[in-house]
């Protein structure tokens, strides 16, 4: 896998598009048979960038999302970052598109199964990375149904809104889709792949509650224990309903499956006390009020867990929730967080999303990552650009 950050070409006056053209010129010296390409950008010219990349790599499937990336301990602003997988790569890849993800992703199950046959997953050597515009619950069900007995782990992110009319979109082969999912199956030819998630919340006081009225389509939690959902949360944490929006990142509800918790982040509360969430809540789900823990110490535990995964880590790819990013920025921690990734791991790439997919669950306000054994990426450094 080859990675290139177009910001390396920025001399202070060069715009994003010119940087992209220079990066593509450099990449063409380094690759022979590009197979799949994933790009990320937080530049508003999403459609133009997608067209340039697709035209420059006509024999590769190109995928793109609107987000920002952090790697090498730095956040890339106004950038385009490219991950390029070749035919004879240490990482064999198969990409795909799932349309109508919010209404009927199951229509794509045959093409997903075809992708799985092409990737030929072995034991613990394959992962699926997805980026979707929505429909997370149906998407996760569809993907896992297609995975069958192959035990392919899943990590993914819900896309942030782009500057293009403030839409939520994914790119596949230069076409913008507003109701779709792009996915990349990655097989490590030189080792294993593991996934993990970091949860920075724990039960507030251990009192169980039940979702007694919901609206699945709107991801709305209307009543808990027969009372307005916001009232129950307000009474438990002793914060007025009118102020709950300020505590969304500190006191969310969560669903438990065994000992695992899956946070239900909320983004809006209406005048009736209905909570509108990023994660679907089902009728009669048992839920608990959560509270944020010492997330700095938790990350130290996560670092140890990752280091214990493999003796030789090739690289790590992580997806952080936008709400975590906002909290960490507010607490003046995000730059320290990215630096700690860089200080502990040679190659780490991180992006931010509006929600995360992890194996068989949609989660909120967390971090998911894939850890790749042995095979390191090729990164074109600043020195590689000299003289071009």
Protein backbone atom coordinates (compact mmCIF):
# COMPACT_ATOMS: atom_id res chain seq x y z
CA UNK A 1 0.00 0.00 0.00
CA UNK A 2 1.23 3.45 -0.92
CA UNK A 3 0.16 6.59 0.97
CA UNK A 4 0.64 10.15 -0.17
CA UNK A 5 -0.42 13.40 1.50
CA UNK A 6 -0.83 16.19 -1.03
CA UNK A 7 -0.30 18.80 1.68
CA UNK A 8 3.40 17.96 1.38
CA UNK A 9 3.38 20.00 -1.85
CA UNK A 10 1.92 23.11 -0.26
CA UNK A 11 4.51 25.88 -0.17
CA UNK A 12 2.12 28.36 1.42
CA UNK A 13 0.54 29.65 -1.77
CA UNK A 14 -0.21 26.45 -3.69
CA UNK A 15 -3.90 25.54 -3.73
CA UNK A 16 -5.31 22.07 -3.07
CA UNK A 17 -5.94 21.19 -6.71
CA UNK A 18 -2.39 22.14 -7.79
CA UNK A 19 -1.03 20.07 -4.90
CA UNK A 20 -3.14 17.14 -6.05
CA UNK A 21 -1.80 17.32 -9.60
CA UNK A 22 1.78 17.41 -8.29
CA UNK A 23 1.11 14.43 -6.04
CA UNK A 24 -0.39 12.43 -8.91
CA UNK A 25 2.67 13.22 -11.03
CA UNK A 26 4.86 11.87 -8.24
CA UNK A 27 2.70 8.77 -7.69
CA UNK A 28 2.95 7.84 -11.36
CA UNK A 29 6.70 7.37 -10.84
CA UNK A 30 6.05 4.90 -8.03
CA UNK A 31 3.21 2.58 -9.03
CA UNK A 32 2.67 0.13 -11.86
CA UNK A 33 -0.80 -1.41 -11.58
CA UNK A 34 -3.10 0.48 -9.21
CA UNK A 35 -6.11 -1.64 -8.28
CA UNK A 36 -8.06 0.34 -5.68
CA UNK A 37 -7.66 3.89 -4.42
CA UNK A 38 -9.24 5.52 -1.37
CA UNK A 39 -8.97 9.27 -0.93
CA UNK A 40 -10.01 11.57 1.88
CA UNK A 41 -10.40 15.32 1.74
CA UNK A 42 -11.89 18.19 3.70
CA UNK A 43 -11.73 20.49 0.69
CA UNK A 44 -15.06 21.70 -0.70
CA UNK A 45 -14.19 20.74 -4.30
CA UNK A 46 -15.18 17.12 -3.65
CA UNK A 47 -16.61 16.38 -7.09
CA UNK A 48 -13.71 18.05 -8.92
CA UNK A 49 -11.14 16.17 -6.85
CA UNK A 50 -12.93 12.87 -7.52
CA UNK A 51 -12.91 13.51 -11.26
CA UNK A 52 -9.20 14.36 -11.33
CA UNK A 53 -8.30 11.21 -9.42
CA UNK A 54 -10.53 8.92 -11.52
CA UNK A 55 -9.19 10.37 -14.77
CA UNK A 56 -5.61 9.97 -13.53
CA UNK A 57 -6.10 6.33 -12.53
CA UNK A 58 -8.56 4.96 -15.11
CA UNK A 59 -7.74 1.31 -14.37
CA UNK A 60 -8.36 1.59 -10.62
CA UNK A 61 -11.58 1.75 -8.65
CA UNK A 62 -11.56 5.10 -6.85
CA UNK A 63 -13.38 5.71 -3.59
CA UNK A 64 -13.60 8.96 -1.65
CA UNK A 65 -15.02 10.56 1.47
CA UNK A 66 -15.21 14.03 2.97
CA UNK A 67 -13.28 14.10 6.26
CA UNK A 68 -9.93 15.15 7.60
CA UNK A 69 -7.05 12.86 8.38
CA UNK A 70 -4.45 12.87 11.11
CA UNK A 71 -1.19 10.97 10.76
CA UNK A 72 2.40 11.36 11.88
CA UNK A 73 1.05 13.30 14.84
CA UNK A 74 -0.43 16.07 12.70
CA UNK A 75 -3.89 16.99 11.43
CA UNK A 76 -4.10 17.52 7.68
CA UNK A 77 -6.21 20.58 6.83
CA UNK A 78 -7.39 21.49 3.33
CA UNK A 79 -5.85 18.35 1.94
CA UNK A 80 -6.23 15.30 -0.21
CA UNK A 81 -4.77 12.05 1.13
CA UNK A 82 -4.47 8.98 -1.07
CA UNK A 83 -4.24 5.30 -0.20
CA UNK A 84 -3.30 3.31 -3.28
CA UNK A 85 -3.41 -0.50 -3.43
CA UNK A 86 -1.68 -2.23 -6.35
CA UNK A 87 -2.26 -5.60 -8.01
CA UNK A 88 0.84 -7.17 -6.44
CA UNK A 89 0.48 -5.43 -3.10
CA UNK A 90 1.08 -6.98 0.31
CA UNK A 91 -2.57 -6.06 0.78
CA UNK A 92 -5.00 -7.58 -1.71
CA UNK A 93 -8.16 -5.47 -2.00
CA UNK A 94 -11.64 -5.66 -3.47
CA UNK A 95 -13.90 -2.60 -3.44
CA UNK A 96 -17.63 -2.25 -3.81
CA UNK A 97 -20.65 0.04 -3.75
CA UNK A 98 -23.96 -0.52 -1.97
CA UNK A 99 -26.73 1.77 -3.19
CA UNK A 100 -30.06 2.63 -1.49
CA UNK A 101 -28.38 1.95 1.82
CA UNK A 102 -31.10 3.70 3.83
CA UNK A 103 -33.94 1.70 2.28
CA UNK A 104 -32.79 -1.60 0.77
CA UNK A 105 -29.07 -2.43 1.01
CA UNK A 106 -29.94 -6.13 0.81
CA UNK A 107 -30.31 -5.65 -2.98
CA UNK A 108 -26.51 -5.59 -3.09
CA UNK A 109 -25.93 -8.81 -1.18
CA UNK A 110 -25.07 -10.79 -4.33
CA UNK A 111 -22.34 -8.30 -5.32
CA UNK A 112 -20.98 -8.30 -1.76
CA UNK A 113 -20.81 -12.10 -1.80
CA UNK A 114 -19.01 -11.91 -5.16
CA UNK A 115 -16.46 -9.55 -3.58
CA UNK A 116 -15.91 -12.01 -0.73
CA UNK A 117 -15.28 -14.83 -3.19
CA UNK A 118 -12.67 -12.65 -4.94
CA UNK A 119 -10.89 -11.77 -1.70
CA UNK A 120 -10.88 -15.43 -0.55
CA UNK A 121 -10.55 -14.64 3.17
CA UNK A 122 -8.32 -16.82 5.31
CA UNK A 123 -8.09 -17.02 9.08
CA UNK A 124 -7.82 -13.57 10.72
CA UNK A 125 -6.29 -12.01 7.60
CA UNK A 126 -9.20 -9.99 6.18
CA UNK A 127 -11.16 -6.92 7.25
CA UNK A 128 -14.00 -4.89 5.73
CA UNK A 129 -13.73 -1.10 5.98
CA UNK A 130 -16.89 0.82 5.05
CA UNK A 131 -18.04 4.41 4.78
CA UNK A 132 -21.75 5.07 4.57
CA UNK A 133 -24.13 8.01 4.25
CA UNK A 134 -26.59 6.39 6.69
CA UNK A 135 -28.76 3.29 7.07
CA UNK A 136 -26.22 1.86 9.48
CA UNK A 137 -28.33 -0.83 11.13
CA UNK A 138 -29.59 -2.34 7.86
CA UNK A 139 -26.13 -2.00 6.34
CA UNK A 140 -24.46 -3.88 9.19
CA UNK A 141 -27.08 -6.64 9.02
CA UNK A 142 -26.60 -6.95 5.25
CA UNK A 143 -22.81 -7.07 5.39
CA UNK A 144 -22.72 -9.64 8.16
CA UNK A 145 -25.28 -11.79 6.35
CA UNK A 146 -22.99 -11.75 3.29
CA UNK A 147 -19.94 -12.52 5.41
CA UNK A 148 -21.62 -15.76 6.52
CA UNK A 149 -19.16 -18.10 8.20
CA UNK A 150 -16.04 -16.23 7.07
CA UNK A 151 -15.87 -14.19 10.31
CA UNK A 152 -14.75 -11.03 8.53
CA UNK A 153 -14.58 -8.18 11.07
CA UNK A 154 -16.07 -4.83 10.13
CA UNK A 155 -15.05 -1.28 10.98
CA UNK A 156 -16.56 1.77 9.38
CA UNK A 157 -17.74 5.33 9.64
CA UNK A 158 -20.79 7.40 8.79
CA UNK A 159 -19.68 10.25 6.54
CA UNK A 160 -19.62 13.86 7.64
CA UNK A 161 -21.40 16.49 5.57
CA UNK A 162 -19.39 17.85 2.68
CA UNK A 163 -19.19 21.45 1.51
CA UNK A 164 -21.00 20.50 -1.71
CA UNK A 165 -24.37 21.92 -0.71
CA UNK A 166 -23.71 20.48 2.76
CA UNK A 167 -24.68 16.99 1.62
CA UNK A 168 -23.56 13.72 3.12
CA UNK A 169 -21.99 11.72 0.32
CA UNK A 170 -19.54 9.06 -0.77
CA UNK A 171 -17.63 8.88 -4.04
CA UNK A 172 -17.27 5.79 -6.20
CA UNK A 173 -15.47 6.06 -9.55
CA UNK A 174 -15.98 9.86 -9.67
CA UNK A 175 -19.76 9.66 -9.08
CA UNK A 176 -21.25 11.27 -5.96
CA UNK A 177 -23.80 9.13 -4.08
CA UNK A 178 -25.95 10.61 -1.33
CA UNK A 179 -27.56 7.31 -0.28
CA UNK A 180 -24.87 4.66 -0.50
CA UNK A 181 -22.00 2.85 1.15
CA UNK A 182 -18.52 2.25 -0.22
CA UNK A 183 -16.56 -0.66 1.18
CA UNK A 184 -13.07 -2.06 0.85
CA UNK A 185 -12.22 -5.67 1.67
CA UNK A 186 -8.54 -5.85 2.62
CA UNK A 187 -6.59 -9.11 2.87
CA UNK A 188 -3.16 -9.10 4.48
CA UNK A 189 -0.89 -11.42 2.50
CA UNK A 190 1.85 -11.18 5.13
CA UNK A 191 0.01 -11.58 8.41
CA UNK A 192 -3.15 -11.10 10.42
CA UNK A 193 -5.59 -8.27 10.99
CA UNK A 194 -7.34 -7.47 14.27
CA UNK A 195 -9.97 -4.90 15.13
CA UNK A 196 -10.86 -3.23 18.41
CA UNK A 197 -13.01 -0.43 19.75
CA UNK A 198 -12.37 2.05 22.54
CA UNK A 199 -15.24 2.93 24.87
CA UNK A 200 -14.62 5.89 27.19
CA UNK A 201 -17.90 5.48 29.09
CA UNK A 202 -19.12 3.38 32.00
CA UNK A 203 -22.45 2.96 33.82
CA UNK A 204 -23.44 6.04 35.78
CA UNK A 205 -25.25 4.30 38.62
CA UNK A 206 -26.25 0.91 37.23
CA UNK A 207 -30.01 1.52 37.11
CA UNK A 208 -31.56 -0.35 34.15
CA UNK A 209 -34.17 1.36 31.99
CA UNK A 210 -36.36 0.18 29.13
CA UNK A 211 -37.19 1.88 25.83
CA UNK A 212 -41.00 1.90 25.91
CA UNK A 213 -41.71 4.07 22.85
CA UNK A 214 -39.45 4.60 19.83
CA UNK A 215 -39.50 5.73 16.22
CA UNK A 216 -37.03 3.54 14.35
CA UNK A 217 -37.11 5.57 11.15
CA UNK A 218 -36.17 8.78 12.93
CA UNK A 219 -33.84 7.03 15.39
CA UNK A 220 -35.97 8.66 18.08
CA UNK A 221 -36.18 7.54 21.69
CA UNK A 222 -39.59 8.88 22.70
CA UNK A 223 -40.24 7.28 26.09
CA UNK A 224 -38.13 5.46 28.66
CA UNK A 225 -39.95 3.55 31.43
CA UNK A 226 -43.19 5.15 30.22
CA UNK A 227 -41.92 8.74 30.67
CA UNK A 228 -40.38 11.21 28.19
CA UNK A 229 -36.85 10.00 27.50
CA UNK A 230 -35.22 13.34 28.29
CA UNK A 231 -37.06 13.51 31.63
CA UNK A 232 -35.59 10.18 32.72
CA UNK A 233 -32.06 11.30 31.82
CA UNK A 234 -32.60 14.69 33.44
CA UNK A 235 -33.78 13.18 36.72
CA UNK A 236 -30.96 10.66 36.89
CA UNK A 237 -28.07 13.07 36.36
CA UNK A 238 -29.82 16.03 38.06
CA UNK A 239 -29.54 18.36 35.08
CA UNK A 240 -32.53 20.34 33.71
CA UNK A 241 -33.90 19.10 30.40
CA UNK A 242 -33.18 22.52 28.90
CA UNK A 243 -29.45 22.00 29.56
CA UNK A 244 -29.09 18.37 28.50
CA UNK A 245 -27.74 19.32 25.07
CA UNK A 246 -24.60 20.59 26.80
CA UNK A 247 -24.09 17.17 28.41
CA UNK A 248 -24.58 14.98 25.33
CA UNK A 249 -20.96 13.85 25.26
CA UNK A 250 -20.78 13.23 29.01
CA UNK A 251 -24.05 11.47 29.89
CA UNK A 252 -25.47 9.40 27.01
CA UNK A 253 -27.63 6.30 27.17
CA UNK A 254 -26.13 2.98 26.09
CA UNK A 255 -27.39 -0.44 25.14
CA UNK A 256 -25.68 -3.48 26.64
CA UNK A 257 -25.13 -6.87 25.07
CA UNK A 258 -23.55 -9.03 27.73
CA UNK A 259 -20.71 -6.97 29.17
CA UNK A 260 -20.32 -4.83 26.04
CA UNK A 261 -21.91 -1.39 25.91
CA UNK A 262 -22.89 0.49 22.78
CA UNK A 263 -23.38 4.21 23.30
CA UNK A 264 -26.48 5.93 21.94
CA UNK A 265 -25.38 9.47 21.17
CA UNK A 266 -28.12 12.09 20.85
CA UNK A 267 -28.01 15.22 18.72
CA UNK A 268 -31.36 16.85 19.44
CA UNK A 269 -34.12 16.92 22.06
CA UNK A 270 -37.56 18.30 21.17
CA UNK A 271 -40.09 20.10 23.35
CA UNK A 272 -41.78 16.78 24.23
CA UNK A 273 -38.61 15.25 25.63
CA UNK A 274 -38.01 12.98 22.65
CA UNK A 275 -34.33 12.30 22.03
CA UNK A 276 -33.10 12.02 18.44
CA UNK A 277 -30.05 9.80 18.19
CA UNK A 278 -27.23 8.71 15.92
CA UNK A 279 -27.96 5.07 16.80
CA UNK A 280 -31.27 3.25 16.48
CA UNK A 281 -32.99 2.19 19.71
CA UNK A 282 -35.36 -0.75 19.55
CA UNK A 283 -38.58 -1.15 21.53
CA UNK A 284 -37.93 -2.81 24.92
CA UNK A 285 -34.16 -2.41 24.66
CA UNK A 286 -32.56 -2.36 28.09
CA UNK A 287 -30.47 0.79 28.37
CA UNK A 288 -28.38 2.50 31.03
CA UNK A 289 -27.26 6.06 31.63
CA UNK A 290 -23.50 6.31 31.10
CA UNK A 291 -20.89 8.81 32.19
CA UNK A 292 -17.56 9.70 30.70
CA UNK A 293 -14.47 8.24 32.38
CA UNK A 294 -10.80 9.26 32.43
CA UNK A 295 -10.39 9.04 28.66
CA UNK A 296 -6.67 9.86 28.79
CA UNK A 297 -5.99 6.85 31.00
CA UNK A 298 -8.31 4.76 28.85
CA UNK A 299 -6.22 5.54 25.78
CA UNK A 300 -3.11 4.35 27.61
CA UNK A 301 -4.91 1.04 28.14
CA UNK A 302 -5.87 0.94 24.46
CA UNK A 303 -2.26 1.53 23.40
CA UNK A 304 -1.17 -1.42 25.52
CA UNK A 305 -3.94 -3.58 24.09
CA UNK A 306 -2.85 -2.72 20.55
CA UNK A 307 0.82 -3.40 21.31
CA UNK A 308 -0.13 -6.76 22.77
CA UNK A 309 -1.95 -7.69 19.54
CA UNK A 310 1.14 -8.35 17.42
CA UNK A 311 4.91 -8.41 17.82
CA UNK A 312 5.23 -6.62 14.47
CA UNK A 313 2.61 -4.01 13.60
CA UNK A 314 2.57 -2.89 9.98
CA UNK A 315 0.16 0.01 10.43
CA UNK A 316 -3.06 1.06 12.18
CA UNK A 317 -6.15 2.65 10.66
CA UNK A 318 -8.59 4.29 13.07
CA UNK A 319 -11.93 6.07 12.91
CA UNK A 320 -12.90 8.54 15.65
CA UNK A 321 -16.33 9.96 16.32
CA UNK A 322 -16.71 13.67 15.54
CA UNK A 323 -18.13 14.18 19.05
CA UNK A 324 -14.95 12.74 20.58
CA UNK A 325 -12.94 15.06 18.36
CA UNK A 326 -14.98 18.07 19.51
CA UNK A 327 -14.62 17.08 23.17
CA UNK A 328 -10.88 16.52 22.85
CA UNK A 329 -10.45 19.84 21.05
CA UNK A 330 -12.46 21.62 23.74
CA UNK A 331 -10.29 20.03 26.43
CA UNK A 332 -7.10 20.90 24.50
CA UNK A 333 -6.31 17.19 24.17
CA UNK A 334 -6.73 16.30 20.50
CA UNK A 335 -3.25 17.39 19.42
CA UNK A 336 -1.81 15.41 22.34
CA UNK A 337 -3.97 12.44 21.32
CA UNK A 338 -2.67 12.45 17.74
CA UNK A 339 0.90 12.85 18.96
CA UNK A 340 0.51 9.89 21.29
CA UNK A 341 -0.59 7.74 18.36
CA UNK A 342 2.54 8.84 16.50
CA UNK A 343 4.86 8.37 19.49
CA UNK A 344 3.72 4.78 20.02
CA UNK A 345 3.25 3.47 16.49
CA UNK A 346 5.38 3.99 13.42
CA UNK A 347 2.46 4.15 11.00
CA UNK A 348 -0.98 5.33 12.04
CA UNK A 349 -3.74 6.90 9.94
CA UNK A 350 -6.87 8.33 11.54
CA UNK A 351 -10.08 9.84 10.18
CA UNK A 352 -13.18 11.33 11.80
CA UNK A 353 -16.80 10.26 11.21
CA UNK A 354 -20.32 10.97 12.44
CA UNK A 355 -20.82 7.43 13.74
CA UNK A 356 -18.91 4.17 13.74
CA UNK A 357 -19.59 0.59 12.69
CA UNK A 358 -17.91 -2.16 14.64
CA UNK A 359 -18.44 -5.82 13.72
CA UNK A 360 -22.20 -6.31 14.25
CA UNK A 361 -23.08 -3.02 15.95
CA UNK A 362 -23.43 0.69 15.21
CA UNK A 363 -21.70 2.68 17.93
CA UNK A 364 -21.45 6.36 18.81
CA UNK A 365 -18.86 8.56 20.47
CA UNK A 366 -16.18 5.90 20.25
CA UNK A 367 -13.11 4.90 18.28
CA UNK A 368 -12.68 1.81 16.12
CA UNK A 369 -9.45 0.65 14.53
CA UNK A 370 -7.88 -2.11 12.48
CA UNK A 371 -4.38 -3.33 13.29
CA UNK A 372 -2.40 -4.82 10.41
CA UNK A 373 0.46 -7.22 11.10
CA UNK A 374 3.93 -7.09 9.48
CA UNK A 375 3.39 -5.37 6.12
CA UNK A 376 4.26 -1.68 6.36
CA UNK A 377 2.91 0.96 3.96
CA UNK A 378 5.08 2.93 1.58
CA UNK A 379 4.85 6.63 2.40
CA UNK A 380 6.18 9.22 0.02
CA UNK A 381 8.03 11.65 2.26
CA UNK A 382 8.93 15.29 1.69
CA UNK A 383 12.34 14.22 0.46
CA UNK A 384 10.68 12.26 -2.35
CA UNK A 385 9.17 15.46 -3.74
CA UNK A 386 12.44 17.34 -4.16
CA UNK A 387 13.22 18.16 -7.72
CA UNK A 388 9.74 17.54 -9.11
